[in-house]
Amino acid sequence: MEDIIARIRRTSKLSRLGEILAAEALALNGFSGIRDLNGDIHNHPFADLLAEKSGKRYFIGVKTRNEDRTSCCALASGHADLD
């Protein structure tokens, strides 16, 4: 039972880290008004973040994986075209 609880806690921490990194990457790519929707409603049903760019609002879902995948990190490294 302790292993399950430890795994849940670790998963929660990884998820939160992923959301923080995603918000930082959005800000670096010109998004503004970035809001953590999970702060309002735990495990928001539609998205994790809400952000604006060029007058448009975007709902963004964040999935954090516990693997090394360099190809999935284009956004964080600034290689993704977000507009």
C-alpha atoms as a PDB file:
ATOM      1  CA  MET A   1       0.000   0.000   0.000  1.00  0.00           C
ATOM      2  CA  GLU A   2       2.858   2.397   0.782  1.00  0.00           C
ATOM      3  CA  ASP A   3       4.286   1.813  -2.707  1.00  0.00           C
ATOM      4  CA  ILE A   4       1.001   2.892  -4.277  1.00  0.00           C
ATOM      5  CA  ILE A   5       0.822   6.039  -2.142  1.00  0.00           C
ATOM      6  CA  ALA A   6       4.449   6.894  -2.961  1.00  0.00           C
ATOM      7  CA  ARG A   7       3.751   6.397  -6.694  1.00  0.00           C
ATOM      8  CA  ILE A   8       0.689   8.663  -6.550  1.00  0.00           C
ATOM      9  CA  ARG A   9       2.650  11.390  -4.765  1.00  0.00           C
ATOM     10  CA  ARG A  10       5.491  11.133  -7.286  1.00  0.00           C
ATOM     11  CA  THR A  11       3.059  11.291 -10.210  1.00  0.00           C
ATOM     12  CA  SER A  12       1.427  14.384  -8.713  1.00  0.00           C
ATOM     13  CA  LYS A  13       4.802  16.090  -8.367  1.00  0.00           C
ATOM     14  CA  LEU A  14       5.746  15.224 -11.962  1.00  0.00           C
ATOM     15  CA  SER A  15       2.424  16.543 -13.232  1.00  0.00           C
ATOM     16  CA  ARG A  16       2.845  19.815 -11.366  1.00  0.00           C
ATOM     17  CA  LEU A  17       6.406  20.188 -12.643  1.00  0.00           C
ATOM     18  CA  GLY A  18       5.189  19.622 -16.215  1.00  0.00           C
ATOM     19  CA  GLU A  19       2.557  22.327 -15.849  1.00  0.00           C
ATOM     20  CA  ILE A  20       5.112  24.792 -14.463  1.00  0.00           C
ATOM     21  CA  LEU A  21       7.542  24.064 -17.308  1.00  0.00           C
ATOM     22  CA  ALA A  22       4.759  24.371 -19.886  1.00  0.00           C
ATOM     23  CA  ALA A  23       3.691  27.754 -18.476  1.00  0.00           C
ATOM     24  CA  GLU A  24       7.306  28.966 -18.624  1.00  0.00           C
ATOM     25  CA  ALA A  25       7.672  27.744 -22.217  1.00  0.00           C
ATOM     26  CA  LEU A  26       4.452  29.524 -23.203  1.00  0.00           C
ATOM     27  CA  ALA A  27       5.693  32.779 -21.665  1.00  0.00           C
ATOM     28  CA  LEU A  28       9.016  32.440 -23.517  1.00  0.00           C
ATOM     29  CA  ASN A  29       7.073  31.995 -26.761  1.00  0.00           C
ATOM     30  CA  GLY A  30       5.063  35.193 -26.420  1.00  0.00           C
ATOM     31  CA  PHE A  31       1.942  34.017 -24.629  1.00  0.00           C
ATOM     32  CA  SER A  32       0.423  36.203 -21.931  1.00  0.00           C
ATOM     33  CA  GLY A  33      -2.323  35.915 -19.336  1.00  0.00           C
ATOM     34  CA  ILE A  34      -1.206  32.371 -18.561  1.00  0.00           C
ATOM     35  CA  ARG A  35      -3.501  30.877 -15.943  1.00  0.00           C
ATOM     36  CA  ASP A  36      -3.335  27.539 -14.133  1.00  0.00           C
ATOM     37  CA  LEU A  37      -6.865  26.153 -14.419  1.00  0.00           C
ATOM     38  CA  ASN A  38      -6.098  23.434 -11.872  1.00  0.00           C
ATOM     39  CA  GLY A  39      -5.698  26.167  -9.271  1.00  0.00           C
ATOM     40  CA  ASP A  40      -9.409  26.913  -9.608  1.00  0.00           C
ATOM     41  CA  ILE A  41     -10.700  23.370 -10.008  1.00  0.00           C
ATOM     42  CA  HIS A  42      -8.525  20.373  -9.089  1.00  0.00           C
ATOM     43  CA  ASN A  43      -7.917  18.287 -12.223  1.00  0.00           C
ATOM     44  CA  HIS A  44      -9.829  20.687 -14.496  1.00  0.00           C
ATOM     45  CA  PRO A  45     -11.824  18.644 -17.034  1.00  0.00           C
ATOM     46  CA  PHE A  46     -10.933  20.625 -20.177  1.00  0.00           C
ATOM     47  CA  ALA A  47      -7.344  21.788 -19.877  1.00  0.00           C
ATOM     48  CA  ASP A  48      -4.503  22.569 -17.507  1.00  0.00           C
ATOM     49  CA  LEU A  49      -3.560  26.050 -18.690  1.00  0.00           C
ATOM     50  CA  LEU A  50      -5.279  28.991 -20.352  1.00  0.00           C
ATOM     51  CA  ALA A  51      -3.124  31.457 -22.286  1.00  0.00           C
ATOM     52  CA  GLU A  52      -3.473  34.267 -24.819  1.00  0.00           C
ATOM     53  CA  LYS A  53      -1.478  35.212 -27.888  1.00  0.00           C
ATOM     54  CA  SER A  54      -2.298  37.663 -30.670  1.00  0.00           C
ATOM     55  CA  GLY A  55      -5.774  38.242 -29.268  1.00  0.00           C
ATOM     56  CA  LYS A  56      -6.664  34.540 -29.217  1.00  0.00           C
ATOM     57  CA  ARG A  57      -7.247  32.403 -26.133  1.00  0.00           C
ATOM     58  CA  TYR A  58      -5.864  28.865 -25.982  1.00  0.00           C
ATOM     59  CA  PHE A  59      -6.791  25.997 -23.670  1.00  0.00           C
ATOM     60  CA  ILE A  60      -3.712  23.824 -23.205  1.00  0.00           C
ATOM     61  CA  GLY A  61      -3.521  20.315 -21.843  1.00  0.00           C
ATOM     62  CA  VAL A  62      -0.202  19.219 -20.352  1.00  0.00           C
ATOM     63  CA  LYS A  63       0.950  15.607 -20.201  1.00  0.00           C
ATOM     64  CA  THR A  64       4.114  14.868 -18.279  1.00  0.00           C
ATOM     65  CA  ARG A  65       5.915  11.637 -19.051  1.00  0.00           C
ATOM     66  CA  ASN A  66       8.508   9.907 -16.930  1.00  0.00           C
ATOM     67  CA  GLU A  67      10.706   9.059 -19.922  1.00  0.00           C
ATOM     68  CA  ASP A  68      13.553  10.647 -21.819  1.00  0.00           C
ATOM     69  CA  ARG A  69      12.096  11.771 -25.131  1.00  0.00           C
ATOM     70  CA  THR A  70      14.046  14.604 -26.655  1.00  0.00           C
ATOM     71  CA  SER A  71      11.729  14.830 -29.680  1.00  0.00           C
ATOM     72  CA  CYS A  72       8.741  15.750 -27.484  1.00  0.00           C
ATOM     73  CA  CYS A  73      10.539  18.709 -25.961  1.00  0.00           C
ATOM     74  CA  ALA A  74      10.425  21.050 -28.961  1.00  0.00           C
ATOM     75  CA  LEU A  75       8.169  23.524 -27.160  1.00  0.00           C
ATOM     76  CA  ALA A  76      10.367  23.749 -24.072  1.00  0.00           C
ATOM     77  CA  SER A  77      13.489  24.267 -26.155  1.00  0.00           C
ATOM     78  CA  GLY A  78      11.905  26.962 -28.337  1.00  0.00           C
ATOM     79  CA  HIS A  79      11.764  24.906 -31.539  1.00  0.00           C
ATOM     80  CA  ALA A  80       7.987  24.781 -31.863  1.00  0.00           C
ATOM     81  CA  ASP A  81       6.045  27.243 -33.969  1.00  0.00           C
ATOM     82  CA  LEU A  82       3.119  28.225 -31.742  1.00  0.00           C
ATOM     83  CA  ASP A  83       1.360  30.709 -33.935  1.00  0.00           C
END
